[in-house]
Amino acid sequence: MTKAVFYHAGCPICVDAEQVVLEYLDNSKISTEIVHLGTERNRIEEAERVGIKSVPALVIEGDIYHINYGASLEDVKKG
């Protein structure tokens, strides 16, 4: 099964995008992990390593899909 990681910071744009992602991805083919960087601040470094520049963002098999624009990762780091 393919794994996806959806990174967000809890803003309204991010929450809306999370709902769309969860609704439209076929969970029989893809396992989606949701990472809320506002509450899981210890994972910000991981998001940077993967290449996330802004949230919301979806990573599937190493490919990054920045969705709309909620906040830059730099803004998320400031907290």
PDB file of N, CA and C in Angstrom:
ATOM      1  N   MET A   1       0.847  -1.178   0.000  1.00  0.00           N
ATOM      2  CA  MET A   1       0.000   0.000   0.000  1.00  0.00           C
ATOM      3  C   MET A   1       0.892   1.240   0.000  1.00  0.00           C
ATOM      4  N   THR A   2       0.516   2.222  -0.768  1.00  0.00           N
ATOM      5  CA  THR A   2       1.231   3.485  -0.843  1.00  0.00           C
ATOM      6  C   THR A   2       0.934   4.309   0.397  1.00  0.00           C
ATOM      7  N   LYS A   3       1.952   5.035   0.878  1.00  0.00           N
ATOM      8  CA  LYS A   3       1.772   5.894   2.042  1.00  0.00           C
ATOM      9  C   LYS A   3       1.830   7.354   1.613  1.00  0.00           C
ATOM     10  N   ALA A   4       0.917   8.147   2.160  1.00  0.00           N
ATOM     11  CA  ALA A   4       0.906   9.593   1.952  1.00  0.00           C
ATOM     12  C   ALA A   4       0.987  10.260   3.314  1.00  0.00           C
ATOM     13  N   VAL A   5       1.642  11.419   3.335  1.00  0.00           N
ATOM     14  CA  VAL A   5       1.689  12.214   4.557  1.00  0.00           C
ATOM     15  C   VAL A   5       1.160  13.601   4.202  1.00  0.00           C
ATOM     16  N   PHE A   6       0.156  14.035   4.939  1.00  0.00           N
ATOM     17  CA  PHE A   6      -0.442  15.347   4.739  1.00  0.00           C
ATOM     18  C   PHE A   6      -0.009  16.239   5.888  1.00  0.00           C
ATOM     19  N   TYR A   7       0.768  17.275   5.571  1.00  0.00           N
ATOM     20  CA  TYR A   7       1.261  18.214   6.573  1.00  0.00           C
ATOM     21  C   TYR A   7       0.397  19.465   6.558  1.00  0.00           C
ATOM     22  N   HIS A   8       0.025  19.931   7.749  1.00  0.00           N
ATOM     23  CA  HIS A   8      -0.709  21.188   7.829  1.00  0.00           C
ATOM     24  C   HIS A   8      -0.463  21.844   9.179  1.00  0.00           C
ATOM     25  N   ALA A   9      -0.988  23.069   9.335  1.00  0.00           N
ATOM     26  CA  ALA A   9      -0.749  23.822  10.564  1.00  0.00           C
ATOM     27  C   ALA A   9      -2.038  24.186  11.291  1.00  0.00           C
ATOM     28  N   GLY A  10      -3.157  23.676  10.830  1.00  0.00           N
ATOM     29  CA  GLY A  10      -4.412  23.899  11.531  1.00  0.00           C
ATOM     30  C   GLY A  10      -5.203  25.122  11.111  1.00  0.00           C
ATOM     31  N   CYS A  11      -4.689  25.890  10.144  1.00  0.00           N
ATOM     32  CA  CYS A  11      -5.419  27.077   9.683  1.00  0.00           C
ATOM     33  C   CYS A  11      -6.655  26.626   8.893  1.00  0.00           C
ATOM     34  N   PRO A  12      -7.610  27.516   8.667  1.00  0.00           N
ATOM     35  CA  PRO A  12      -8.824  27.128   7.928  1.00  0.00           C
ATOM     36  C   PRO A  12      -8.538  26.545   6.545  1.00  0.00           C
ATOM     37  N   ILE A  13      -7.568  27.100   5.827  1.00  0.00           N
ATOM     38  CA  ILE A  13      -7.215  26.558   4.508  1.00  0.00           C
ATOM     39  C   ILE A  13      -6.719  25.122   4.655  1.00  0.00           C
ATOM     40  N   CYS A  14      -5.875  24.890   5.669  1.00  0.00           N
ATOM     41  CA  CYS A  14      -5.316  23.555   5.895  1.00  0.00           C
ATOM     42  C   CYS A  14      -6.393  22.539   6.269  1.00  0.00           C
ATOM     43  N   VAL A  15      -7.287  22.936   7.154  1.00  0.00           N
ATOM     44  CA  VAL A  15      -8.347  22.030   7.597  1.00  0.00           C
ATOM     45  C   VAL A  15      -9.257  21.673   6.427  1.00  0.00           C
ATOM     46  N   ASP A  16      -9.592  22.655   5.599  1.00  0.00           N
ATOM     47  CA  ASP A  16     -10.417  22.389   4.419  1.00  0.00           C
ATOM     48  C   ASP A  16      -9.702  21.434   3.466  1.00  0.00           C
ATOM     49  N   ALA A  17      -8.426  21.691   3.222  1.00  0.00           N
ATOM     50  CA  ALA A  17      -7.648  20.817   2.332  1.00  0.00           C
ATOM     51  C   ALA A  17      -7.557  19.407   2.901  1.00  0.00           C
ATOM     52  N   GLU A  18      -7.403  19.285   4.210  1.00  0.00           N
ATOM     53  CA  GLU A  18      -7.354  17.956   4.841  1.00  0.00           C
ATOM     54  C   GLU A  18      -8.628  17.183   4.551  1.00  0.00           C
ATOM     55  N   GLN A  19      -9.780  17.821   4.683  1.00  0.00           N
ATOM     56  CA  GLN A  19     -11.056  17.156   4.426  1.00  0.00           C
ATOM     57  C   GLN A  19     -11.159  16.698   2.982  1.00  0.00           C
ATOM     58  N   VAL A  20     -10.719  17.537   2.052  1.00  0.00           N
ATOM     59  CA  VAL A  20     -10.758  17.178   0.631  1.00  0.00           C
ATOM     60  C   VAL A  20      -9.839  15.992   0.363  1.00  0.00           C
ATOM     61  N   VAL A  21      -8.624  16.042   0.898  1.00  0.00           N
ATOM     62  CA  VAL A  21      -7.660  14.948   0.697  1.00  0.00           C
ATOM     63  C   VAL A  21      -8.235  13.643   1.236  1.00  0.00           C
ATOM     64  N   LEU A  22      -8.738  13.671   2.454  1.00  0.00           N
ATOM     65  CA  LEU A  22      -9.268  12.446   3.048  1.00  0.00           C
ATOM     66  C   LEU A  22     -10.486  11.917   2.291  1.00  0.00           C
ATOM     67  N   GLU A  23     -11.269  12.828   1.748  1.00  0.00           N
ATOM     68  CA  GLU A  23     -12.467  12.412   1.010  1.00  0.00           C
ATOM     69  C   GLU A  23     -12.125  11.784  -0.340  1.00  0.00           C
ATOM     70  N   TYR A  24     -11.110  12.314  -1.020  1.00  0.00           N
ATOM     71  CA  TYR A  24     -10.866  11.905  -2.401  1.00  0.00           C
ATOM     72  C   TYR A  24      -9.783  10.852  -2.591  1.00  0.00           C
ATOM     73  N   LEU A  25      -8.905  10.672  -1.619  1.00  0.00           N
ATOM     74  CA  LEU A  25      -7.902   9.615  -1.778  1.00  0.00           C
ATOM     75  C   LEU A  25      -8.546   8.268  -1.492  1.00  0.00           C
ATOM     76  N   ASP A  26      -8.242   7.294  -2.303  1.00  0.00           N
ATOM     77  CA  ASP A  26      -8.801   5.955  -2.158  1.00  0.00           C
ATOM     78  C   ASP A  26      -8.048   5.230  -1.046  1.00  0.00           C
ATOM     79  N   ASN A  27      -8.685   5.101   0.123  1.00  0.00           N
ATOM     80  CA  ASN A  27      -7.986   4.491   1.259  1.00  0.00           C
ATOM     81  C   ASN A  27      -7.784   2.988   1.119  1.00  0.00           C
ATOM     82  N   SER A  28      -8.277   2.392   0.039  1.00  0.00           N
ATOM     83  CA  SER A  28      -7.951   0.988  -0.218  1.00  0.00           C
ATOM     84  C   SER A  28      -6.612   0.875  -0.948  1.00  0.00           C
ATOM     85  N   LYS A  29      -6.111   2.021  -1.457  1.00  0.00           N
ATOM     86  CA  LYS A  29      -4.851   2.039  -2.196  1.00  0.00           C
ATOM     87  C   LYS A  29      -3.772   2.863  -1.512  1.00  0.00           C
ATOM     88  N   ILE A  30      -4.177   3.775  -0.637  1.00  0.00           N
ATOM     89  CA  ILE A  30      -3.214   4.687  -0.031  1.00  0.00           C
ATOM     90  C   ILE A  30      -3.526   4.886   1.449  1.00  0.00           C
ATOM     91  N   SER A  31      -2.497   4.823   2.245  1.00  0.00           N
ATOM     92  CA  SER A  31      -2.604   5.061   3.678  1.00  0.00           C
ATOM     93  C   SER A  31      -2.145   6.492   3.938  1.00  0.00           C
ATOM     94  N   THR A  32      -3.022   7.299   4.537  1.00  0.00           N
ATOM     95  CA  THR A  32      -2.714   8.715   4.729  1.00  0.00           C
ATOM     96  C   THR A  32      -2.477   9.017   6.202  1.00  0.00           C
ATOM     97  N   GLU A  33      -1.324   9.616   6.477  1.00  0.00           N
ATOM     98  CA  GLU A  33      -1.005  10.087   7.828  1.00  0.00           C
ATOM     99  C   GLU A  33      -1.190  11.600   7.834  1.00  0.00           C
ATOM    100  N   ILE A  34      -1.878  12.113   8.832  1.00  0.00           N
ATOM    101  CA  ILE A  34      -2.085  13.549   8.986  1.00  0.00           C
ATOM    102  C   ILE A  34      -1.109  14.060  10.034  1.00  0.00           C
ATOM    103  N   VAL A  35      -0.333  15.080   9.680  1.00  0.00           N
ATOM    104  CA  VAL A  35       0.629  15.675  10.608  1.00  0.00           C
ATOM    105  C   VAL A  35       0.271  17.145  10.796  1.00  0.00           C
ATOM    106  N   HIS A  36      -0.194  17.477  11.986  1.00  0.00           N
ATOM    107  CA  HIS A  36      -0.550  18.853  12.347  1.00  0.00           C
ATOM    108  C   HIS A  36       0.694  19.483  12.978  1.00  0.00           C
ATOM    109  N   LEU A  37       1.388  20.302  12.200  1.00  0.00           N
ATOM    110  CA  LEU A  37       2.659  20.873  12.657  1.00  0.00           C
ATOM    111  C   LEU A  37       2.486  21.889  13.779  1.00  0.00           C
ATOM    112  N   GLY A  38       1.286  22.376  13.981  1.00  0.00           N
ATOM    113  CA  GLY A  38       1.032  23.273  15.098  1.00  0.00           C
ATOM    114  C   GLY A  38       1.073  22.551  16.431  1.00  0.00           C
ATOM    115  N   THR A  39       0.629  21.293  16.428  1.00  0.00           N
ATOM    116  CA  THR A  39       0.627  20.502  17.660  1.00  0.00           C
ATOM    117  C   THR A  39       1.761  19.474  17.699  1.00  0.00           C
ATOM    118  N   GLU A  40       2.312  19.135  16.537  1.00  0.00           N
ATOM    119  CA  GLU A  40       3.431  18.192  16.465  1.00  0.00           C
ATOM    120  C   GLU A  40       4.675  18.930  15.981  1.00  0.00           C
ATOM    121  N   ARG A  41       5.064  19.940  16.756  1.00  0.00           N
ATOM    122  CA  ARG A  41       6.181  20.807  16.371  1.00  0.00           C
ATOM    123  C   ARG A  41       7.486  20.038  16.195  1.00  0.00           C
ATOM    124  N   ASN A  42       7.610  18.905  16.857  1.00  0.00           N
ATOM    125  CA  ASN A  42       8.810  18.083  16.718  1.00  0.00           C
ATOM    126  C   ASN A  42       8.957  17.502  15.312  1.00  0.00           C
ATOM    127  N   ARG A  43       7.951  17.632  14.477  1.00  0.00           N
ATOM    128  CA  ARG A  43       8.005  17.090  13.115  1.00  0.00           C
ATOM    129  C   ARG A  43       8.282  18.154  12.060  1.00  0.00           C
ATOM    130  N   ILE A  44       8.477  19.414  12.494  1.00  0.00           N
ATOM    131  CA  ILE A  44       8.778  20.488  11.549  1.00  0.00           C
ATOM    132  C   ILE A  44      10.092  20.198  10.824  1.00  0.00           C
ATOM    133  N   GLU A  45      11.094  19.733  11.547  1.00  0.00           N
ATOM    134  CA  GLU A  45      12.385  19.413  10.919  1.00  0.00           C
ATOM    135  C   GLU A  45      12.223  18.324   9.863  1.00  0.00           C
ATOM    136  N   GLU A  46      11.403  17.333  10.149  1.00  0.00           N
ATOM    137  CA  GLU A  46      11.105  16.271   9.179  1.00  0.00           C
ATOM    138  C   GLU A  46      10.481  16.865   7.919  1.00  0.00           C
ATOM    139  N   ALA A  47       9.523  17.767   8.103  1.00  0.00           N
ATOM    140  CA  ALA A  47       8.869  18.401   6.953  1.00  0.00           C
ATOM    141  C   ALA A  47       9.888  19.165   6.113  1.00  0.00           C
ATOM    142  N   GLU A  48      10.806  19.859   6.767  1.00  0.00           N
ATOM    143  CA  GLU A  48      11.859  20.576   6.042  1.00  0.00           C
ATOM    144  C   GLU A  48      12.737  19.611   5.258  1.00  0.00           C
ATOM    145  N   ARG A  49      13.129  18.507   5.881  1.00  0.00           N
ATOM    146  CA  ARG A  49      13.981  17.510   5.218  1.00  0.00           C
ATOM    147  C   ARG A  49      13.321  16.941   3.971  1.00  0.00           C
ATOM    148  N   VAL A  50      12.016  16.741   4.054  1.00  0.00           N
ATOM    149  CA  VAL A  50      11.268  16.183   2.926  1.00  0.00           C
ATOM    150  C   VAL A  50      11.178  17.193   1.780  1.00  0.00           C
ATOM    151  N   GLY A  51      11.219  18.489   2.121  1.00  0.00           N
ATOM    152  CA  GLY A  51      11.147  19.523   1.094  1.00  0.00           C
ATOM    153  C   GLY A  51       9.912  20.398   1.159  1.00  0.00           C
ATOM    154  N   ILE A  52       9.148  20.297   2.238  1.00  0.00           N
ATOM    155  CA  ILE A  52       7.953  21.116   2.388  1.00  0.00           C
ATOM    156  C   ILE A  52       8.364  22.583   2.507  1.00  0.00           C
ATOM    157  N   LYS A  53       7.731  23.437   1.732  1.00  0.00           N
ATOM    158  CA  LYS A  53       7.986  24.884   1.756  1.00  0.00           C
ATOM    159  C   LYS A  53       6.817  25.656   2.359  1.00  0.00           C
ATOM    160  N   SER A  54       5.611  25.100   2.214  1.00  0.00           N
ATOM    161  CA  SER A  54       4.421  25.729   2.773  1.00  0.00           C
ATOM    162  C   SER A  54       3.398  24.636   3.063  1.00  0.00           C
ATOM    163  N   VAL A  55       2.451  24.984   3.895  1.00  0.00           N
ATOM    164  CA  VAL A  55       1.371  24.056   4.210  1.00  0.00           C
ATOM    165  C   VAL A  55       0.053  24.695   3.808  1.00  0.00           C
ATOM    166  N   PRO A  56      -0.907  23.877   3.435  1.00  0.00           N
ATOM    167  CA  PRO A  56      -0.933  22.434   3.437  1.00  0.00           C
ATOM    168  C   PRO A  56      -0.124  21.834   2.294  1.00  0.00           C
ATOM    169  N   ALA A  57       0.404  20.641   2.562  1.00  0.00           N
ATOM    170  CA  ALA A  57       1.180  19.923   1.554  1.00  0.00           C
ATOM    171  C   ALA A  57       0.967  18.427   1.727  1.00  0.00           C
ATOM    172  N   LEU A  58       0.961  17.743   0.621  1.00  0.00           N
ATOM    173  CA  LEU A  58       0.786  16.291   0.603  1.00  0.00           C
ATOM    174  C   LEU A  58       2.027  15.666  -0.019  1.00  0.00           C
ATOM    175  N   VAL A  59       2.569  14.651   0.650  1.00  0.00           N
ATOM    176  CA  VAL A  59       3.730  13.935   0.132  1.00  0.00           C
ATOM    177  C   VAL A  59       3.306  12.501  -0.150  1.00  0.00           C
ATOM    178  N   ILE A  60       3.486  12.092  -1.410  1.00  0.00           N
ATOM    179  CA  ILE A  60       3.174  10.720  -1.815  1.00  0.00           C
ATOM    180  C   ILE A  60       4.404  10.156  -2.497  1.00  0.00           C
ATOM    181  N   GLU A  61       4.977   9.125  -1.899  1.00  0.00           N
ATOM    182  CA  GLU A  61       6.157   8.452  -2.440  1.00  0.00           C
ATOM    183  C   GLU A  61       7.258   9.447  -2.815  1.00  0.00           C
ATOM    184  N   GLY A  62       7.492  10.434  -1.951  1.00  0.00           N
ATOM    185  CA  GLY A  62       8.566  11.395  -2.175  1.00  0.00           C
ATOM    186  C   GLY A  62       8.196  12.589  -3.034  1.00  0.00           C
ATOM    187  N   ASP A  63       7.046  12.543  -3.684  1.00  0.00           N
ATOM    188  CA  ASP A  63       6.585  13.679  -4.487  1.00  0.00           C
ATOM    189  C   ASP A  63       5.781  14.616  -3.598  1.00  0.00           C
ATOM    190  N   ILE A  64       6.086  15.917  -3.670  1.00  0.00           N
ATOM    191  CA  ILE A  64       5.442  16.914  -2.827  1.00  0.00           C
ATOM    192  C   ILE A  64       4.421  17.683  -3.648  1.00  0.00           C
ATOM    193  N   TYR A  65       3.232  17.807  -3.081  1.00  0.00           N
ATOM    194  CA  TYR A  65       2.164  18.577  -3.703  1.00  0.00           C
ATOM    195  C   TYR A  65       1.757  19.672  -2.720  1.00  0.00           C
ATOM    196  N   HIS A  66       2.188  20.900  -2.987  1.00  0.00           N
ATOM    197  CA  HIS A  66       1.780  22.026  -2.163  1.00  0.00           C
ATOM    198  C   HIS A  66       0.373  22.411  -2.605  1.00  0.00           C
ATOM    199  N   ILE A  67      -0.538  22.468  -1.650  1.00  0.00           N
ATOM    200  CA  ILE A  67      -1.949  22.682  -1.939  1.00  0.00           C
ATOM    201  C   ILE A  67      -2.346  24.073  -1.461  1.00  0.00           C
ATOM    202  N   ASN A  68      -2.827  24.891  -2.394  1.00  0.00           N
ATOM    203  CA  ASN A  68      -3.245  26.240  -2.039  1.00  0.00           C
ATOM    204  C   ASN A  68      -2.104  26.910  -1.292  1.00  0.00           C
ATOM    205  N   TYR A  69      -2.369  27.803  -0.380  1.00  0.00           N
ATOM    206  CA  TYR A  69      -1.311  28.418   0.419  1.00  0.00           C
ATOM    207  C   TYR A  69      -1.903  28.858   1.742  1.00  0.00           C
ATOM    208  N   GLY A  70      -1.531  28.145   2.786  1.00  0.00           N
ATOM    209  CA  GLY A  70      -1.995  28.497   4.127  1.00  0.00           C
ATOM    210  C   GLY A  70      -0.959  29.287   4.874  1.00  0.00           C
ATOM    211  N   ALA A  71       0.269  28.745   4.914  1.00  0.00           N
ATOM    212  CA  ALA A  71       1.379  29.417   5.617  1.00  0.00           C
ATOM    213  C   ALA A  71       2.695  28.837   5.143  1.00  0.00           C
ATOM    214  N   SER A  72       3.713  29.672   5.141  1.00  0.00           N
ATOM    215  CA  SER A  72       5.049  29.156   4.810  1.00  0.00           C
ATOM    216  C   SER A  72       5.537  28.327   5.996  1.00  0.00           C
ATOM    217  N   LEU A  73       6.442  27.423   5.743  1.00  0.00           N
ATOM    218  CA  LEU A  73       6.995  26.624   6.825  1.00  0.00           C
ATOM    219  C   LEU A  73       7.773  27.520   7.799  1.00  0.00           C
ATOM    220  N   GLU A  74       8.348  28.591   7.294  1.00  0.00           N
ATOM    221  CA  GLU A  74       9.033  29.550   8.166  1.00  0.00           C
ATOM    222  C   GLU A  74       8.058  30.174   9.166  1.00  0.00           C
ATOM    223  N   ASP A  75       6.852  30.508   8.708  1.00  0.00           N
ATOM    224  CA  ASP A  75       5.829  31.053   9.607  1.00  0.00           C
ATOM    225  C   ASP A  75       5.403  30.021  10.638  1.00  0.00           C
ATOM    226  N   VAL A  76       5.277  28.779  10.225  1.00  0.00           N
ATOM    227  CA  VAL A  76       4.899  27.706  11.141  1.00  0.00           C
ATOM    228  C   VAL A  76       5.965  27.547  12.220  1.00  0.00           C
ATOM    229  N   LYS A  77       7.217  27.643  11.839  1.00  0.00           N
ATOM    230  CA  LYS A  77       8.317  27.508  12.805  1.00  0.00           C
ATOM    231  C   LYS A  77       8.269  28.600  13.872  1.00  0.00           C
ATOM    232  N   LYS A  78       7.823  29.795  13.491  1.00  0.00           N
ATOM    233  CA  LYS A  78       7.748  30.916  14.433  1.00  0.00           C
ATOM    234  C   LYS A  78       6.636  30.695  15.466  1.00  0.00           C
ATOM    235  N   GLY A  79       5.676  29.904  15.049  1.00  0.00           N
ATOM    236  CA  GLY A  79       4.687  29.469  15.906  1.00  0.00           C
ATOM    237  C   GLY A  79       3.515  30.043  16.397  1.00  0.00           C
TER     238      GLY A  79
END
